[in-house]
């Protein structure tokens, strides 16, 4: 049964088809899905995970344009106020808000994030929280790496994570981007 309050918007990026799930009444973002190879694959994933119907709002169209721009080398500009963190614990929210401050083209480790949230031994909790990150790209969990510098896990796979980090570092070196995440 489709939830009449939830909608989704599927859109194409140069990396594949991404999707945003949102509440239509206030455009609060409930989930962002990383690009998949085909629109059909994105539609199937949405059917399996969310009872939503297609739709969009000006705010969601702007976010989808920002995500498309990200995959073309531009940082995303989105206020955290548009993100619905209400289903997460306070500590999970703290982890995600901390990760959201990581600058384009840079990385931090799971241990560094656990230190920043005041829980130096919580690096596994940080990893678990990021594995469930419902807002990839806006909350850039792809910028978190293992202590040895290896990529670690990523919902979109390590190949996508490495491509994204490489793209960001290349754009940062060439001076083509400016940080705009709020």
N, C-alpha and C. Protein backbone atom coordinates (compact mmCIF):
# COMPACT_ATOMS: atom_id res chain seq x y z
N UNK A 1 0.83 -1.19 0.00
CA UNK A 1 0.00 0.00 0.00
C UNK A 1 0.88 1.26 0.00
N UNK A 2 0.59 2.20 -0.84
CA UNK A 2 1.38 3.41 -0.96
C UNK A 2 1.00 4.39 0.15
N UNK A 3 2.02 4.93 0.79
CA UNK A 3 1.84 5.95 1.81
C UNK A 3 1.55 7.27 1.08
N UNK A 4 0.37 7.86 1.29
CA UNK A 4 0.03 9.09 0.54
C UNK A 4 0.89 10.29 0.93
N UNK A 5 1.61 10.19 2.04
CA UNK A 5 2.45 11.30 2.48
C UNK A 5 3.86 11.25 1.87
N UNK A 6 4.28 10.06 1.41
CA UNK A 6 5.63 9.89 0.89
C UNK A 6 5.64 9.88 -0.63
N UNK A 7 6.61 10.59 -1.17
CA UNK A 7 6.81 10.64 -2.61
C UNK A 7 8.29 10.40 -2.91
N UNK A 8 8.57 10.09 -4.14
CA UNK A 8 9.96 9.91 -4.56
C UNK A 8 10.17 10.59 -5.91
N UNK A 9 11.43 10.94 -6.12
CA UNK A 9 11.82 11.56 -7.39
C UNK A 9 13.09 10.85 -7.85
N UNK A 10 13.03 10.22 -9.01
CA UNK A 10 14.18 9.54 -9.62
C UNK A 10 14.73 10.45 -10.71
N UNK A 11 16.05 10.57 -10.75
CA UNK A 11 16.67 11.46 -11.74
C UNK A 11 18.02 10.89 -12.16
N UNK A 12 18.44 11.28 -13.34
CA UNK A 12 19.68 10.75 -13.90
C UNK A 12 20.87 11.63 -13.56
N UNK A 13 21.98 10.98 -13.22
CA UNK A 13 23.27 11.66 -13.05
C UNK A 13 24.25 10.99 -14.02
N UNK A 14 25.43 11.52 -14.15
CA UNK A 14 26.41 10.87 -15.02
C UNK A 14 26.91 9.56 -14.43
N UNK A 15 26.59 9.29 -13.14
CA UNK A 15 26.97 8.03 -12.48
C UNK A 15 25.82 7.02 -12.49
N UNK A 16 24.63 7.39 -12.97
CA UNK A 16 23.48 6.50 -12.97
C UNK A 16 22.24 7.22 -12.46
N UNK A 17 21.23 6.46 -12.06
CA UNK A 17 19.95 7.01 -11.61
C UNK A 17 19.88 7.04 -10.09
N UNK A 18 19.71 8.23 -9.53
CA UNK A 18 19.60 8.43 -8.09
C UNK A 18 18.14 8.70 -7.75
N UNK A 19 17.82 8.69 -6.45
CA UNK A 19 16.43 8.94 -6.05
C UNK A 19 16.40 9.64 -4.70
N UNK A 20 15.34 10.41 -4.50
CA UNK A 20 15.09 11.11 -3.25
C UNK A 20 13.68 10.71 -2.79
N UNK A 21 13.55 10.32 -1.53
CA UNK A 21 12.24 10.06 -0.94
C UNK A 21 11.96 11.22 0.00
N UNK A 22 10.74 11.77 -0.06
CA UNK A 22 10.43 12.97 0.71
C UNK A 22 8.96 13.02 1.07
N UNK A 23 8.66 13.85 2.07
CA UNK A 23 7.27 14.13 2.41
C UNK A 23 6.82 15.31 1.57
N UNK A 24 5.78 15.12 0.81
CA UNK A 24 5.35 16.15 -0.13
C UNK A 24 4.87 17.43 0.56
N UNK A 25 4.23 17.29 1.75
CA UNK A 25 3.66 18.47 2.40
C UNK A 25 4.70 19.51 2.81
N UNK A 26 5.90 19.05 3.20
CA UNK A 26 6.92 20.03 3.60
C UNK A 26 8.27 19.80 2.92
N UNK A 27 8.32 18.89 1.98
CA UNK A 27 9.54 18.56 1.22
C UNK A 27 10.69 18.09 2.10
N UNK A 28 10.40 17.60 3.31
CA UNK A 28 11.50 17.09 4.15
C UNK A 28 12.02 15.78 3.55
N UNK A 29 13.33 15.72 3.42
CA UNK A 29 13.98 14.57 2.80
C UNK A 29 14.04 13.43 3.81
N UNK A 30 13.49 12.28 3.41
CA UNK A 30 13.49 11.10 4.26
C UNK A 30 14.64 10.15 3.90
N UNK A 31 15.07 10.19 2.64
CA UNK A 31 16.10 9.27 2.19
C UNK A 31 16.64 9.71 0.83
N UNK A 32 17.93 9.53 0.63
CA UNK A 32 18.56 9.74 -0.68
C UNK A 32 19.22 8.42 -1.06
N UNK A 33 18.98 7.99 -2.29
CA UNK A 33 19.59 6.76 -2.78
C UNK A 33 20.67 7.10 -3.79
N UNK A 34 21.82 6.47 -3.63
CA UNK A 34 22.94 6.65 -4.56
C UNK A 34 22.57 6.12 -5.94
N UNK A 35 23.28 6.59 -6.96
CA UNK A 35 22.96 6.16 -8.33
C UNK A 35 23.11 4.66 -8.54
N UNK A 36 22.15 4.12 -9.29
CA UNK A 36 22.20 2.74 -9.77
C UNK A 36 22.28 2.80 -11.29
N UNK A 37 22.63 1.67 -11.90
CA UNK A 37 22.87 1.65 -13.35
C UNK A 37 21.67 2.00 -14.21
N UNK A 38 20.46 1.72 -13.73
CA UNK A 38 19.29 1.96 -14.58
C UNK A 38 18.14 2.55 -13.75
N UNK A 39 17.23 3.18 -14.45
CA UNK A 39 16.03 3.72 -13.80
C UNK A 39 15.21 2.57 -13.22
N UNK A 40 15.14 1.48 -13.94
CA UNK A 40 14.38 0.31 -13.48
C UNK A 40 14.94 -0.21 -12.15
N UNK A 41 16.26 -0.22 -12.03
CA UNK A 41 16.88 -0.68 -10.77
C UNK A 41 16.52 0.27 -9.62
N UNK A 42 16.52 1.57 -9.89
CA UNK A 42 16.13 2.55 -8.86
C UNK A 42 14.67 2.38 -8.48
N UNK A 43 13.81 2.17 -9.48
CA UNK A 43 12.38 1.96 -9.21
C UNK A 43 12.16 0.70 -8.38
N UNK A 44 12.89 -0.36 -8.70
CA UNK A 44 12.76 -1.62 -7.95
C UNK A 44 13.20 -1.42 -6.50
N UNK A 45 14.31 -0.73 -6.29
CA UNK A 45 14.78 -0.47 -4.94
C UNK A 45 13.75 0.34 -4.15
N UNK A 46 13.18 1.33 -4.77
CA UNK A 46 12.15 2.13 -4.11
C UNK A 46 10.93 1.29 -3.75
N UNK A 47 10.52 0.41 -4.63
CA UNK A 47 9.38 -0.47 -4.35
C UNK A 47 9.67 -1.38 -3.16
N UNK A 48 10.91 -1.83 -3.05
CA UNK A 48 11.29 -2.74 -1.97
C UNK A 48 11.43 -2.04 -0.62
N UNK A 49 11.74 -0.76 -0.64
CA UNK A 49 12.08 -0.07 0.62
C UNK A 49 11.09 1.00 1.06
N UNK A 50 10.35 1.59 0.16
CA UNK A 50 9.45 2.69 0.51
C UNK A 50 8.14 2.57 -0.25
N UNK A 51 7.06 2.84 0.44
CA UNK A 51 5.74 2.87 -0.18
C UNK A 51 5.45 4.30 -0.58
N UNK A 52 6.03 4.72 -1.68
CA UNK A 52 5.91 6.12 -2.10
C UNK A 52 5.43 6.19 -3.54
N UNK A 53 4.93 7.35 -3.90
CA UNK A 53 4.50 7.56 -5.28
C UNK A 53 5.41 8.62 -5.92
N UNK A 54 5.51 8.61 -7.25
CA UNK A 54 6.35 9.61 -7.92
C UNK A 54 5.83 11.03 -7.68
N UNK A 55 6.74 11.97 -7.62
CA UNK A 55 6.37 13.37 -7.46
C UNK A 55 7.61 14.23 -7.30
N UNK A 56 7.39 15.52 -7.15
CA UNK A 56 8.49 16.44 -6.90
C UNK A 56 7.92 17.76 -6.40
N UNK A 57 8.80 18.54 -5.81
CA UNK A 57 8.48 19.91 -5.40
C UNK A 57 9.64 20.77 -5.86
N UNK A 58 9.52 22.08 -5.84
CA UNK A 58 10.67 22.91 -6.23
C UNK A 58 11.91 22.62 -5.38
N UNK A 59 11.73 22.40 -4.10
CA UNK A 59 12.86 22.12 -3.21
C UNK A 59 13.55 20.80 -3.59
N UNK A 60 12.76 19.79 -3.92
CA UNK A 60 13.30 18.48 -4.31
C UNK A 60 13.98 18.57 -5.68
N UNK A 61 13.40 19.33 -6.60
CA UNK A 61 14.05 19.52 -7.90
C UNK A 61 15.39 20.23 -7.74
N UNK A 62 15.46 21.18 -6.81
CA UNK A 62 16.73 21.87 -6.57
C UNK A 62 17.76 20.90 -5.99
N UNK A 63 17.34 20.07 -5.04
CA UNK A 63 18.26 19.08 -4.48
C UNK A 63 18.73 18.11 -5.56
N UNK A 64 17.83 17.63 -6.40
CA UNK A 64 18.24 16.70 -7.45
C UNK A 64 19.22 17.38 -8.42
N UNK A 65 19.01 18.66 -8.70
CA UNK A 65 19.96 19.41 -9.54
C UNK A 65 21.31 19.53 -8.85
N UNK A 66 21.30 19.74 -7.53
CA UNK A 66 22.55 19.81 -6.78
C UNK A 66 23.29 18.48 -6.80
N UNK A 67 22.55 17.38 -6.68
CA UNK A 67 23.18 16.06 -6.73
C UNK A 67 23.75 15.80 -8.12
N UNK A 68 23.01 16.16 -9.16
CA UNK A 68 23.54 16.03 -10.52
C UNK A 68 24.82 16.86 -10.68
N UNK A 69 24.80 18.07 -10.14
CA UNK A 69 25.97 18.95 -10.21
C UNK A 69 27.15 18.35 -9.44
N UNK A 70 26.84 17.72 -8.28
CA UNK A 70 27.92 17.08 -7.51
C UNK A 70 28.67 16.08 -8.38
N UNK A 71 27.93 15.23 -9.08
CA UNK A 71 28.58 14.21 -9.90
C UNK A 71 29.28 14.81 -11.12
N UNK A 72 29.07 16.09 -11.36
CA UNK A 72 29.82 16.82 -12.38
C UNK A 72 30.94 17.64 -11.74
N UNK A 73 31.16 17.48 -10.41
CA UNK A 73 32.28 18.12 -9.75
C UNK A 73 31.96 19.32 -8.89
N UNK A 74 30.70 19.58 -8.54
CA UNK A 74 30.32 20.73 -7.73
C UNK A 74 29.79 20.26 -6.38
N UNK A 75 30.24 20.82 -5.27
CA UNK A 75 29.69 20.42 -3.96
C UNK A 75 28.19 20.73 -3.86
N UNK A 76 27.49 19.94 -3.04
CA UNK A 76 26.06 20.11 -2.84
C UNK A 76 25.79 21.23 -1.84
N UNK A 77 24.79 22.02 -2.12
CA UNK A 77 24.36 23.08 -1.22
C UNK A 77 22.98 22.72 -0.68
N UNK A 78 22.91 22.29 0.57
CA UNK A 78 21.63 21.92 1.18
C UNK A 78 21.71 22.15 2.67
N UNK A 79 20.75 22.83 3.20
CA UNK A 79 20.68 23.05 4.64
C UNK A 79 20.29 21.75 5.33
N UNK A 80 20.88 21.47 6.47
CA UNK A 80 20.53 20.29 7.24
C UNK A 80 19.08 20.35 7.70
N UNK A 81 18.48 21.51 7.69
CA UNK A 81 17.08 21.65 8.10
C UNK A 81 16.14 20.92 7.15
N UNK A 82 16.56 20.63 5.94
CA UNK A 82 15.72 19.92 4.97
C UNK A 82 15.75 18.41 5.19
N UNK A 83 16.66 17.95 6.03
CA UNK A 83 16.85 16.53 6.27
C UNK A 83 16.05 16.11 7.50
N UNK A 84 15.32 15.01 7.39
CA UNK A 84 14.54 14.51 8.51
C UNK A 84 15.34 13.44 9.27
N UNK A 85 15.90 13.85 10.40
CA UNK A 85 16.70 12.96 11.23
C UNK A 85 15.88 12.34 12.37
N UNK A 86 14.58 12.55 12.38
CA UNK A 86 13.75 12.18 13.52
C UNK A 86 13.73 10.69 13.86
N UNK A 87 14.03 9.82 12.92
CA UNK A 87 14.03 8.38 13.18
C UNK A 87 15.35 7.88 13.77
N UNK A 88 16.30 8.78 13.97
CA UNK A 88 17.63 8.41 14.45
C UNK A 88 17.79 8.80 15.92
N UNK A 89 18.65 8.05 16.63
CA UNK A 89 18.94 8.38 18.02
C UNK A 89 19.74 9.69 18.08
N UNK A 90 19.80 10.27 19.25
CA UNK A 90 20.58 11.51 19.42
C UNK A 90 22.04 11.30 19.04
N UNK A 91 22.61 10.15 19.43
CA UNK A 91 24.01 9.89 19.12
C UNK A 91 24.21 9.67 17.63
N UNK A 92 23.28 8.98 16.98
CA UNK A 92 23.37 8.81 15.52
C UNK A 92 23.28 10.17 14.83
N UNK A 93 22.39 11.02 15.30
CA UNK A 93 22.27 12.36 14.73
C UNK A 93 23.57 13.14 14.90
N UNK A 94 24.20 13.01 16.07
CA UNK A 94 25.46 13.71 16.31
C UNK A 94 26.53 13.24 15.34
N UNK A 95 26.61 11.93 15.11
CA UNK A 95 27.58 11.39 14.15
C UNK A 95 27.33 12.00 12.77
N UNK A 96 26.08 11.96 12.31
CA UNK A 96 25.78 12.45 10.97
C UNK A 96 26.02 13.96 10.84
N UNK A 97 25.66 14.71 11.86
CA UNK A 97 25.91 16.16 11.82
C UNK A 97 27.40 16.47 11.81
N UNK A 98 28.18 15.66 12.51
CA UNK A 98 29.64 15.85 12.52
C UNK A 98 30.22 15.54 11.14
N UNK A 99 29.78 14.44 10.55
CA UNK A 99 30.26 14.06 9.22
C UNK A 99 29.85 15.09 8.18
N UNK A 100 28.69 15.73 8.37
CA UNK A 100 28.22 16.74 7.42
C UNK A 100 29.15 17.94 7.34
N UNK A 101 30.03 18.12 8.32
CA UNK A 101 30.94 19.27 8.31
C UNK A 101 32.26 18.99 7.58
N UNK A 102 32.46 17.77 7.13
CA UNK A 102 33.71 17.42 6.45
C UNK A 102 33.76 18.11 5.09
N UNK A 103 34.81 18.80 4.86
CA UNK A 103 34.97 19.60 3.64
C UNK A 103 35.15 18.74 2.39
N UNK A 104 34.63 19.24 1.31
CA UNK A 104 34.76 18.65 -0.02
C UNK A 104 36.23 18.37 -0.31
N UNK A 105 36.52 17.17 -0.80
CA UNK A 105 37.88 16.83 -1.21
C UNK A 105 38.78 16.37 -0.07
N UNK A 106 38.25 16.28 1.15
CA UNK A 106 39.05 15.83 2.28
C UNK A 106 38.44 14.57 2.87
N UNK A 107 39.22 13.88 3.68
CA UNK A 107 38.73 12.68 4.35
C UNK A 107 39.08 12.74 5.83
N UNK A 108 38.33 11.97 6.60
CA UNK A 108 38.63 11.74 8.01
C UNK A 108 38.43 10.26 8.28
N UNK A 109 38.91 9.80 9.43
CA UNK A 109 38.76 8.39 9.77
C UNK A 109 37.59 8.21 10.73
N UNK A 110 37.17 6.96 10.85
CA UNK A 110 36.12 6.62 11.81
C UNK A 110 36.54 7.04 13.21
N UNK A 111 37.81 6.82 13.54
CA UNK A 111 38.34 7.20 14.85
C UNK A 111 38.31 8.71 15.08
N UNK A 112 38.62 9.48 14.06
CA UNK A 112 38.57 10.94 14.20
C UNK A 112 37.14 11.41 14.48
N UNK A 113 36.17 10.80 13.84
CA UNK A 113 34.77 11.18 14.09
C UNK A 113 34.39 10.79 15.51
N UNK A 114 34.79 9.61 15.96
CA UNK A 114 34.44 9.21 17.33
C UNK A 114 35.08 10.15 18.35
N UNK A 115 36.27 10.64 18.08
CA UNK A 115 36.90 11.65 18.96
C UNK A 115 36.09 12.94 18.95
N UNK A 116 35.68 13.37 17.78
CA UNK A 116 34.94 14.63 17.66
C UNK A 116 33.59 14.60 18.37
N UNK A 117 32.97 13.42 18.47
CA UNK A 117 31.69 13.35 19.17
C UNK A 117 31.87 13.06 20.66
N UNK A 118 33.13 13.02 21.09
CA UNK A 118 33.41 12.83 22.51
C UNK A 118 33.32 11.38 22.97
N UNK A 119 33.43 10.45 22.06
CA UNK A 119 33.36 9.02 22.37
C UNK A 119 34.51 8.31 21.66
N UNK A 120 35.71 8.44 22.20
CA UNK A 120 36.92 8.00 21.50
C UNK A 120 36.92 6.53 21.11
N UNK A 121 36.20 5.70 21.80
CA UNK A 121 36.19 4.26 21.47
C UNK A 121 34.98 3.86 20.64
N UNK A 122 34.22 4.81 20.18
CA UNK A 122 32.97 4.52 19.46
C UNK A 122 33.16 4.45 17.94
N UNK A 123 34.35 4.17 17.47
CA UNK A 123 34.59 4.16 16.03
C UNK A 123 33.74 3.10 15.32
N UNK A 124 33.45 1.98 15.97
CA UNK A 124 32.58 0.98 15.35
C UNK A 124 31.14 1.49 15.28
N UNK A 125 30.71 2.20 16.32
CA UNK A 125 29.38 2.81 16.30
C UNK A 125 29.30 3.81 15.16
N UNK A 126 30.36 4.59 14.98
CA UNK A 126 30.41 5.55 13.87
C UNK A 126 30.26 4.80 12.55
N UNK A 127 31.00 3.71 12.38
CA UNK A 127 30.91 2.92 11.15
C UNK A 127 29.51 2.35 10.92
N UNK A 128 28.91 1.84 11.98
CA UNK A 128 27.56 1.29 11.87
C UNK A 128 26.55 2.37 11.51
N UNK A 129 26.68 3.53 12.14
CA UNK A 129 25.78 4.65 11.84
C UNK A 129 25.93 5.08 10.39
N UNK A 130 27.16 5.19 9.93
CA UNK A 130 27.39 5.62 8.55
C UNK A 130 26.95 4.57 7.54
N UNK A 131 27.00 3.29 7.92
CA UNK A 131 26.51 2.23 7.03
C UNK A 131 25.01 2.37 6.79
N UNK A 132 24.30 3.00 7.73
CA UNK A 132 22.85 3.20 7.61
C UNK A 132 22.52 4.64 7.21
N UNK A 133 23.50 5.45 6.87
CA UNK A 133 23.29 6.85 6.54
C UNK A 133 22.21 6.99 5.47
N UNK A 134 21.06 7.58 5.83
CA UNK A 134 19.99 7.71 4.83
C UNK A 134 20.18 8.89 3.87
N UNK A 135 21.24 9.67 4.07
CA UNK A 135 21.42 10.88 3.26
C UNK A 135 22.82 10.97 2.65
N UNK A 136 23.25 9.93 1.92
CA UNK A 136 24.59 10.02 1.32
C UNK A 136 24.69 11.22 0.39
N UNK A 137 25.85 11.75 0.26
CA UNK A 137 26.20 12.95 -0.50
C UNK A 137 25.95 14.19 0.34
N UNK A 138 24.74 14.37 0.87
CA UNK A 138 24.47 15.52 1.73
C UNK A 138 25.22 15.35 3.03
N UNK A 139 25.17 14.15 3.60
CA UNK A 139 26.01 13.79 4.73
C UNK A 139 27.07 12.86 4.13
N UNK A 140 28.25 13.42 3.86
CA UNK A 140 29.23 12.76 2.99
C UNK A 140 30.00 11.61 3.66
N UNK A 141 29.30 10.51 3.92
CA UNK A 141 29.94 9.36 4.56
C UNK A 141 31.03 8.76 3.67
N UNK A 142 31.00 9.08 2.38
CA UNK A 142 32.06 8.59 1.49
C UNK A 142 33.41 9.22 1.84
N UNK A 143 33.41 10.29 2.63
CA UNK A 143 34.66 10.96 3.02
C UNK A 143 35.28 10.35 4.28
N UNK A 144 34.70 9.27 4.79
CA UNK A 144 35.24 8.59 5.95
C UNK A 144 36.00 7.37 5.48
N UNK A 145 37.24 7.25 5.92
CA UNK A 145 38.10 6.13 5.53
C UNK A 145 38.63 5.44 6.78
N UNK A 146 39.20 4.27 6.59
CA UNK A 146 39.82 3.54 7.70
C UNK A 146 41.09 4.24 8.13
N UNK A 147 41.56 3.89 9.32
CA UNK A 147 42.78 4.50 9.88
C UNK A 147 43.99 4.31 8.96
N UNK A 148 44.02 3.20 8.21
CA UNK A 148 45.15 2.95 7.30
C UNK A 148 45.00 3.66 5.95
N UNK A 149 43.91 4.43 5.80
CA UNK A 149 43.68 5.16 4.56
C UNK A 149 42.89 4.41 3.52
N UNK A 150 42.62 3.12 3.75
CA UNK A 150 41.81 2.36 2.80
C UNK A 150 40.36 2.82 2.88
N UNK A 151 39.60 2.60 1.81
CA UNK A 151 38.27 3.20 1.74
C UNK A 151 37.27 2.75 2.79
N UNK A 152 37.33 1.51 3.24
CA UNK A 152 36.28 1.03 4.14
C UNK A 152 35.02 0.79 3.35
N UNK A 153 33.93 0.53 4.05
CA UNK A 153 32.67 0.21 3.38
C UNK A 153 31.95 1.43 2.85
N UNK A 154 30.97 1.16 1.99
CA UNK A 154 30.14 2.22 1.43
C UNK A 154 28.94 1.57 0.77
N UNK A 155 27.76 2.14 1.01
CA UNK A 155 26.52 1.57 0.47
C UNK A 155 26.56 1.43 -1.05
N UNK A 156 27.21 2.34 -1.72
CA UNK A 156 27.30 2.30 -3.18
C UNK A 156 28.46 1.46 -3.68
N UNK A 157 29.20 0.84 -2.77
CA UNK A 157 30.36 0.03 -3.13
C UNK A 157 31.65 0.85 -3.10
N UNK A 158 32.76 0.16 -2.89
CA UNK A 158 34.03 0.87 -2.77
C UNK A 158 34.47 1.52 -4.07
N UNK A 159 34.08 0.94 -5.22
CA UNK A 159 34.45 1.55 -6.50
C UNK A 159 33.83 2.93 -6.63
N UNK A 160 32.53 3.05 -6.30
CA UNK A 160 31.87 4.37 -6.36
C UNK A 160 32.50 5.32 -5.35
N UNK A 161 32.78 4.84 -4.14
CA UNK A 161 33.41 5.68 -3.12
C UNK A 161 34.75 6.22 -3.62
N UNK A 162 35.56 5.35 -4.16
CA UNK A 162 36.87 5.78 -4.67
C UNK A 162 36.73 6.75 -5.83
N UNK A 163 35.76 6.53 -6.72
CA UNK A 163 35.53 7.46 -7.85
C UNK A 163 35.13 8.84 -7.33
N UNK A 164 34.25 8.86 -6.33
CA UNK A 164 33.79 10.14 -5.78
C UNK A 164 34.94 10.88 -5.08
N UNK A 165 35.72 10.17 -4.27
CA UNK A 165 36.84 10.81 -3.58
C UNK A 165 37.88 11.31 -4.58
N UNK A 166 38.16 10.52 -5.61
CA UNK A 166 39.11 10.93 -6.64
C UNK A 166 38.62 12.18 -7.36
N UNK A 167 37.33 12.20 -7.72
CA UNK A 167 36.75 13.35 -8.40
C UNK A 167 36.87 14.60 -7.53
N UNK A 168 36.54 14.47 -6.24
CA UNK A 168 36.61 15.63 -5.34
C UNK A 168 38.03 16.15 -5.21
N UNK A 169 38.98 15.24 -5.02
CA UNK A 169 40.38 15.66 -4.86
C UNK A 169 40.91 16.31 -6.13
N UNK A 170 40.55 15.76 -7.28
CA UNK A 170 40.98 16.34 -8.55
C UNK A 170 40.39 17.74 -8.72
N UNK A 171 39.12 17.92 -8.42
CA UNK A 171 38.49 19.23 -8.56
C UNK A 171 39.05 20.23 -7.56
N UNK A 172 39.38 19.76 -6.38
CA UNK A 172 39.96 20.63 -5.36
C UNK A 172 41.35 21.11 -5.81
N UNK A 173 42.14 20.18 -6.36
CA UNK A 173 43.48 20.53 -6.86
C UNK A 173 43.40 21.53 -8.00
N UNK A 174 42.41 21.35 -8.86
CA UNK A 174 42.31 22.23 -10.03
C UNK A 174 41.63 23.55 -9.69
N UNK A 175 41.12 23.67 -8.45
CA UNK A 175 40.47 24.92 -8.03
C UNK A 175 39.12 25.14 -8.67
N UNK A 176 38.48 24.08 -9.16
CA UNK A 176 37.20 24.21 -9.85
C UNK A 176 36.00 24.24 -8.93
N UNK A 177 36.19 24.02 -7.62
CA UNK A 177 35.03 23.96 -6.75
C UNK A 177 35.20 24.87 -5.53
N UNK A 178 34.09 25.20 -4.95
CA UNK A 178 34.05 25.99 -3.73
C UNK A 178 33.06 25.33 -2.79
N UNK A 179 33.43 25.19 -1.53
CA UNK A 179 32.57 24.53 -0.54
C UNK A 179 31.32 25.36 -0.31
N UNK A 180 30.15 24.71 -0.41
CA UNK A 180 28.90 25.42 -0.19
C UNK A 180 27.94 24.66 0.71
N UNK A 181 28.36 23.56 1.32
CA UNK A 181 27.47 22.81 2.20
C UNK A 181 27.27 23.58 3.49
N UNK A 182 26.01 23.65 3.91
CA UNK A 182 25.66 24.37 5.14
C UNK A 182 25.44 23.40 6.26
